[in-house]
Amino acid sequence: MNPTLIRRLMTRASRRDDRGSVPVFAALIIGPLLLLCGLLTIDAFGVLRAKQHADDLSVEAARAAQQAIDPAQAIPGTAFVADPAGAFAAARAYLAETGVTGTVHVTDAGRTVTVTVTGRYHAVFWPKTFTVHATSSATLLHGITQPDS
């Protein structure tokens, strides 16, 4: 056997060099911790996605409600306001079509519509269902260079 190799092995054994070694505890814990963090992150981002989806739906429902203007006042130019019953029905129809629940409020004499949407996210790795809420408002404005009051 090569004497240089034997000397090198004996020197390393006598120094008890632990370069490149990992404690057993760290080796057993790091894998499950990374797995757990990854799985919880999936559900956390799922809740964020559900919140964003509810927000998008509330904006679009409010916009759909504002399309229902009162033609009896708009055509002669008397006022540009949403038909409260039509706005309410348009927003509710949009919410029903998308399959979510929510509330619709028409205020300010038919100029402002506020929609609140309630959504749910069923967690993949947790035995829980998260409820998210989003509220959006749309105000009917008209005018050529600036909104008229």
C-alpha atoms as a PDB file:
ATOM      1  CA  MET A   1       0.000   0.000   0.000  1.00  0.00           C
ATOM      2  CA  ASN A   2       1.123   3.561  -0.665  1.00  0.00           C
ATOM      3  CA  PRO A   3       2.803   5.036   2.482  1.00  0.00           C
ATOM      4  CA  THR A   4       1.649   8.580   1.638  1.00  0.00           C
ATOM      5  CA  LEU A   5      -1.971   7.457   1.485  1.00  0.00           C
ATOM      6  CA  ILE A   6      -1.676   5.612   4.794  1.00  0.00           C
ATOM      7  CA  ARG A   7      -0.104   8.644   6.464  1.00  0.00           C
ATOM      8  CA  ARG A   8      -2.887  10.925   5.128  1.00  0.00           C
ATOM      9  CA  LEU A   9      -5.618   8.580   6.378  1.00  0.00           C
ATOM     10  CA  MET A  10      -3.992   8.269   9.798  1.00  0.00           C
ATOM     11  CA  THR A  11      -3.619  12.055  10.087  1.00  0.00           C
ATOM     12  CA  ARG A  12      -7.275  12.617   9.184  1.00  0.00           C
ATOM     13  CA  ALA A  13      -8.445   9.938  11.622  1.00  0.00           C
ATOM     14  CA  SER A  14      -6.377  11.401  14.431  1.00  0.00           C
ATOM     15  CA  ARG A  15      -7.719  14.948  13.868  1.00  0.00           C
ATOM     16  CA  ARG A  16     -11.332  13.745  13.718  1.00  0.00           C
ATOM     17  CA  ASP A  17     -12.047  16.173  10.908  1.00  0.00           C
ATOM     18  CA  ASP A  18     -15.786  16.711  10.526  1.00  0.00           C
ATOM     19  CA  ARG A  19     -15.774  18.853   7.393  1.00  0.00           C
ATOM     20  CA  GLY A  20     -18.725  17.925   5.168  1.00  0.00           C
ATOM     21  CA  SER A  21     -20.680  16.131   7.871  1.00  0.00           C
ATOM     22  CA  VAL A  22     -24.236  17.010   8.903  1.00  0.00           C
ATOM     23  CA  PRO A  23     -25.647  16.358  12.338  1.00  0.00           C
ATOM     24  CA  VAL A  24     -28.220  13.567  12.349  1.00  0.00           C
ATOM     25  CA  PHE A  25     -30.856  15.856  13.900  1.00  0.00           C
ATOM     26  CA  ALA A  26     -30.504  18.387  11.089  1.00  0.00           C
ATOM     27  CA  ALA A  27     -30.672  15.682   8.446  1.00  0.00           C
ATOM     28  CA  LEU A  28     -33.895  14.279   9.941  1.00  0.00           C
ATOM     29  CA  ILE A  29     -35.621  17.641  10.510  1.00  0.00           C
ATOM     30  CA  ILE A  30     -34.793  19.689   7.393  1.00  0.00           C
ATOM     31  CA  GLY A  31     -36.717  17.494   4.936  1.00  0.00           C
ATOM     32  CA  PRO A  32     -40.036  17.441   6.824  1.00  0.00           C
ATOM     33  CA  LEU A  33     -39.765  21.164   7.634  1.00  0.00           C
ATOM     34  CA  LEU A  34     -39.278  22.057   3.988  1.00  0.00           C
ATOM     35  CA  LEU A  35     -42.205  19.835   3.031  1.00  0.00           C
ATOM     36  CA  LEU A  36     -44.463  21.382   5.684  1.00  0.00           C
ATOM     37  CA  CYS A  37     -43.537  24.941   4.687  1.00  0.00           C
ATOM     38  CA  GLY A  38     -44.187  24.128   1.037  1.00  0.00           C
ATOM     39  CA  LEU A  39     -47.589  22.626   1.747  1.00  0.00           C
ATOM     40  CA  LEU A  40     -48.686  25.531   3.955  1.00  0.00           C
ATOM     41  CA  THR A  41     -47.525  27.991   1.314  1.00  0.00           C
ATOM     42  CA  ILE A  42     -49.813  26.365  -1.242  1.00  0.00           C
ATOM     43  CA  ASP A  43     -52.846  27.016   0.965  1.00  0.00           C
ATOM     44  CA  ALA A  44     -51.691  30.537   1.863  1.00  0.00           C
ATOM     45  CA  PHE A  45     -51.446  31.481  -1.800  1.00  0.00           C
ATOM     46  CA  GLY A  46     -54.778  29.765  -2.434  1.00  0.00           C
ATOM     47  CA  VAL A  47     -56.437  32.081   0.081  1.00  0.00           C
ATOM     48  CA  LEU A  48     -54.802  35.086  -1.592  1.00  0.00           C
ATOM     49  CA  ARG A  49     -56.050  33.878  -4.973  1.00  0.00           C
ATOM     50  CA  ALA A  50     -59.585  33.495  -3.577  1.00  0.00           C
ATOM     51  CA  LYS A  51     -59.435  37.033  -2.141  1.00  0.00           C
ATOM     52  CA  GLN A  52     -58.310  38.437  -5.493  1.00  0.00           C
ATOM     53  CA  HIS A  53     -61.050  36.519  -7.293  1.00  0.00           C
ATOM     54  CA  ALA A  54     -63.699  37.889  -4.902  1.00  0.00           C
ATOM     55  CA  ASP A  55     -62.340  41.394  -5.436  1.00  0.00           C
ATOM     56  CA  ASP A  56     -62.492  40.980  -9.232  1.00  0.00           C
ATOM     57  CA  LEU A  57     -66.079  39.745  -9.045  1.00  0.00           C
ATOM     58  CA  SER A  58     -67.179  42.618  -6.793  1.00  0.00           C
ATOM     59  CA  VAL A  59     -65.669  45.174  -9.196  1.00  0.00           C
ATOM     60  CA  GLU A  60     -67.366  43.599 -12.202  1.00  0.00           C
ATOM     61  CA  ALA A  61     -70.730  43.278 -10.432  1.00  0.00           C
ATOM     62  CA  ALA A  62     -70.614  46.968  -9.477  1.00  0.00           C
ATOM     63  CA  ARG A  63     -69.712  47.850 -13.048  1.00  0.00           C
ATOM     64  CA  ALA A  64     -72.589  45.730 -14.389  1.00  0.00           C
ATOM     65  CA  ALA A  65     -74.968  47.498 -11.995  1.00  0.00           C
ATOM     66  CA  GLN A  66     -73.862  50.928 -13.214  1.00  0.00           C
ATOM     67  CA  GLN A  67     -74.820  49.979 -16.766  1.00  0.00           C
ATOM     68  CA  ALA A  68     -78.463  49.962 -15.702  1.00  0.00           C
ATOM     69  CA  ILE A  69     -79.119  53.695 -15.941  1.00  0.00           C
ATOM     70  CA  ASP A  70     -82.599  55.148 -15.684  1.00  0.00           C
ATOM     71  CA  PRO A  71     -83.567  55.905 -19.307  1.00  0.00           C
ATOM     72  CA  ALA A  72     -86.525  58.097 -18.276  1.00  0.00           C
ATOM     73  CA  GLN A  73     -84.078  60.620 -16.803  1.00  0.00           C
ATOM     74  CA  ALA A  74     -81.051  59.999 -19.044  1.00  0.00           C
ATOM     75  CA  ILE A  75     -82.671  60.426 -22.476  1.00  0.00           C
ATOM     76  CA  PRO A  76     -84.043  63.941 -21.885  1.00  0.00           C
ATOM     77  CA  GLY A  77     -80.833  64.833 -20.000  1.00  0.00           C
ATOM     78  CA  THR A  78     -82.544  65.444 -16.686  1.00  0.00           C
ATOM     79  CA  ALA A  79     -80.151  63.267 -14.660  1.00  0.00           C
ATOM     80  CA  PHE A  80     -77.784  60.382 -15.119  1.00  0.00           C
ATOM     81  CA  VAL A  81     -78.555  57.942 -12.336  1.00  0.00           C
ATOM     82  CA  ALA A  82     -78.764  54.207 -12.128  1.00  0.00           C
ATOM     83  CA  ASP A  83     -82.193  52.674 -12.025  1.00  0.00           C
ATOM     84  CA  PRO A  84     -82.016  51.296  -8.449  1.00  0.00           C
ATOM     85  CA  ALA A  85     -84.114  48.222  -9.177  1.00  0.00           C
ATOM     86  CA  GLY A  86     -82.302  47.566 -12.461  1.00  0.00           C
ATOM     87  CA  ALA A  87     -78.877  48.098 -10.904  1.00  0.00           C
ATOM     88  CA  PHE A  88     -79.705  45.767  -8.051  1.00  0.00           C
ATOM     89  CA  ALA A  89     -81.004  43.134 -10.482  1.00  0.00           C
ATOM     90  CA  ALA A  90     -77.977  43.467 -12.790  1.00  0.00           C
ATOM     91  CA  ALA A  91     -75.493  43.051  -9.939  1.00  0.00           C
ATOM     92  CA  ARG A  92     -77.411  40.111  -8.447  1.00  0.00           C
ATOM     93  CA  ALA A  93     -77.621  38.455 -11.876  1.00  0.00           C
ATOM     94  CA  TYR A  94     -73.859  38.846 -12.348  1.00  0.00           C
ATOM     95  CA  LEU A  95     -73.160  37.362  -8.925  1.00  0.00           C
ATOM     96  CA  ALA A  96     -75.578  34.480  -9.553  1.00  0.00           C
ATOM     97  CA  GLU A  97     -73.964  33.768 -12.921  1.00  0.00           C
ATOM     98  CA  THR A  98     -70.511  33.567 -11.353  1.00  0.00           C
ATOM     99  CA  GLY A  99     -71.738  31.384  -8.492  1.00  0.00           C
ATOM    100  CA  VAL A 100     -70.834  33.583  -5.523  1.00  0.00           C
ATOM    101  CA  THR A 101     -72.922  35.219  -2.827  1.00  0.00           C
ATOM    102  CA  GLY A 102     -72.928  38.885  -2.055  1.00  0.00           C
ATOM    103  CA  THR A 103     -74.868  42.003  -1.160  1.00  0.00           C
ATOM    104  CA  VAL A 104     -75.736  44.996  -3.325  1.00  0.00           C
ATOM    105  CA  HIS A 105     -76.505  48.522  -2.080  1.00  0.00           C
ATOM    106  CA  VAL A 106     -77.584  51.401  -4.314  1.00  0.00           C
ATOM    107  CA  THR A 107     -77.062  54.782  -2.621  1.00  0.00           C
ATOM    108  CA  ASP A 108     -76.697  58.481  -3.391  1.00  0.00           C
ATOM    109  CA  ALA A 109     -79.978  58.634  -5.298  1.00  0.00           C
ATOM    110  CA  GLY A 110     -78.862  55.866  -7.643  1.00  0.00           C
ATOM    111  CA  ARG A 111     -75.394  57.242  -8.418  1.00  0.00           C
ATOM    112  CA  THR A 112     -73.319  54.827  -6.315  1.00  0.00           C
ATOM    113  CA  VAL A 113     -73.493  51.050  -6.213  1.00  0.00           C
ATOM    114  CA  THR A 114     -71.595  49.078  -3.572  1.00  0.00           C
ATOM    115  CA  VAL A 115     -71.168  45.322  -3.942  1.00  0.00           C
ATOM    116  CA  THR A 116     -69.768  43.019  -1.261  1.00  0.00           C
ATOM    117  CA  VAL A 117     -68.794  39.507  -2.363  1.00  0.00           C
ATOM    118  CA  THR A 118     -68.223  36.523  -0.083  1.00  0.00           C
ATOM    119  CA  GLY A 119     -66.007  33.764  -1.429  1.00  0.00           C
ATOM    120  CA  ARG A 120     -64.616  30.544  -0.027  1.00  0.00           C
ATOM    121  CA  TYR A 121     -61.384  28.623  -0.362  1.00  0.00           C
ATOM    122  CA  HIS A 122     -61.293  24.960   0.608  1.00  0.00           C
ATOM    123  CA  ALA A 123     -57.763  24.279   1.838  1.00  0.00           C
ATOM    124  CA  VAL A 124     -55.875  21.463   0.195  1.00  0.00           C
ATOM    125  CA  PHE A 125     -53.623  20.499   3.116  1.00  0.00           C
ATOM    126  CA  TRP A 126     -55.548  21.928   6.093  1.00  0.00           C
ATOM    127  CA  PRO A 127     -58.937  20.608   7.187  1.00  0.00           C
ATOM    128  CA  LYS A 128     -60.424  24.101   6.921  1.00  0.00           C
ATOM    129  CA  THR A 129     -62.472  26.325   4.635  1.00  0.00           C
ATOM    130  CA  PHE A 130     -61.429  29.971   4.502  1.00  0.00           C
ATOM    131  CA  THR A 131     -64.012  32.718   3.926  1.00  0.00           C
ATOM    132  CA  VAL A 132     -62.908  35.859   2.087  1.00  0.00           C
ATOM    133  CA  HIS A 133     -64.783  39.136   1.556  1.00  0.00           C
ATOM    134  CA  ALA A 134     -64.299  41.923  -0.958  1.00  0.00           C
ATOM    135  CA  THR A 135     -66.173  45.198  -1.351  1.00  0.00           C
ATOM    136  CA  SER A 136     -66.183  47.492  -4.387  1.00  0.00           C
ATOM    137  CA  SER A 137     -68.086  50.621  -5.296  1.00  0.00           C
ATOM    138  CA  ALA A 138     -68.886  52.211  -8.630  1.00  0.00           C
ATOM    139  CA  THR A 139     -70.061  55.780  -9.017  1.00  0.00           C
ATOM    140  CA  LEU A 140     -71.896  56.857 -12.132  1.00  0.00           C
ATOM    141  CA  LEU A 141     -70.162  59.883 -13.682  1.00  0.00           C
ATOM    142  CA  HIS A 142     -70.970  61.741 -16.885  1.00  0.00           C
ATOM    143  CA  GLY A 143     -69.614  64.791 -18.618  1.00  0.00           C
ATOM    144  CA  ILE A 144     -67.388  65.747 -21.523  1.00  0.00           C
ATOM    145  CA  THR A 145     -64.394  67.442 -19.920  1.00  0.00           C
ATOM    146  CA  GLN A 146     -65.114  66.692 -16.276  1.00  0.00           C
ATOM    147  CA  PRO A 147     -67.768  64.822 -14.313  1.00  0.00           C
ATOM    148  CA  ASP A 148     -70.957  66.812 -13.868  1.00  0.00           C
ATOM    149  CA  SER A 149     -72.471  66.857 -10.427  1.00  0.00           C
END
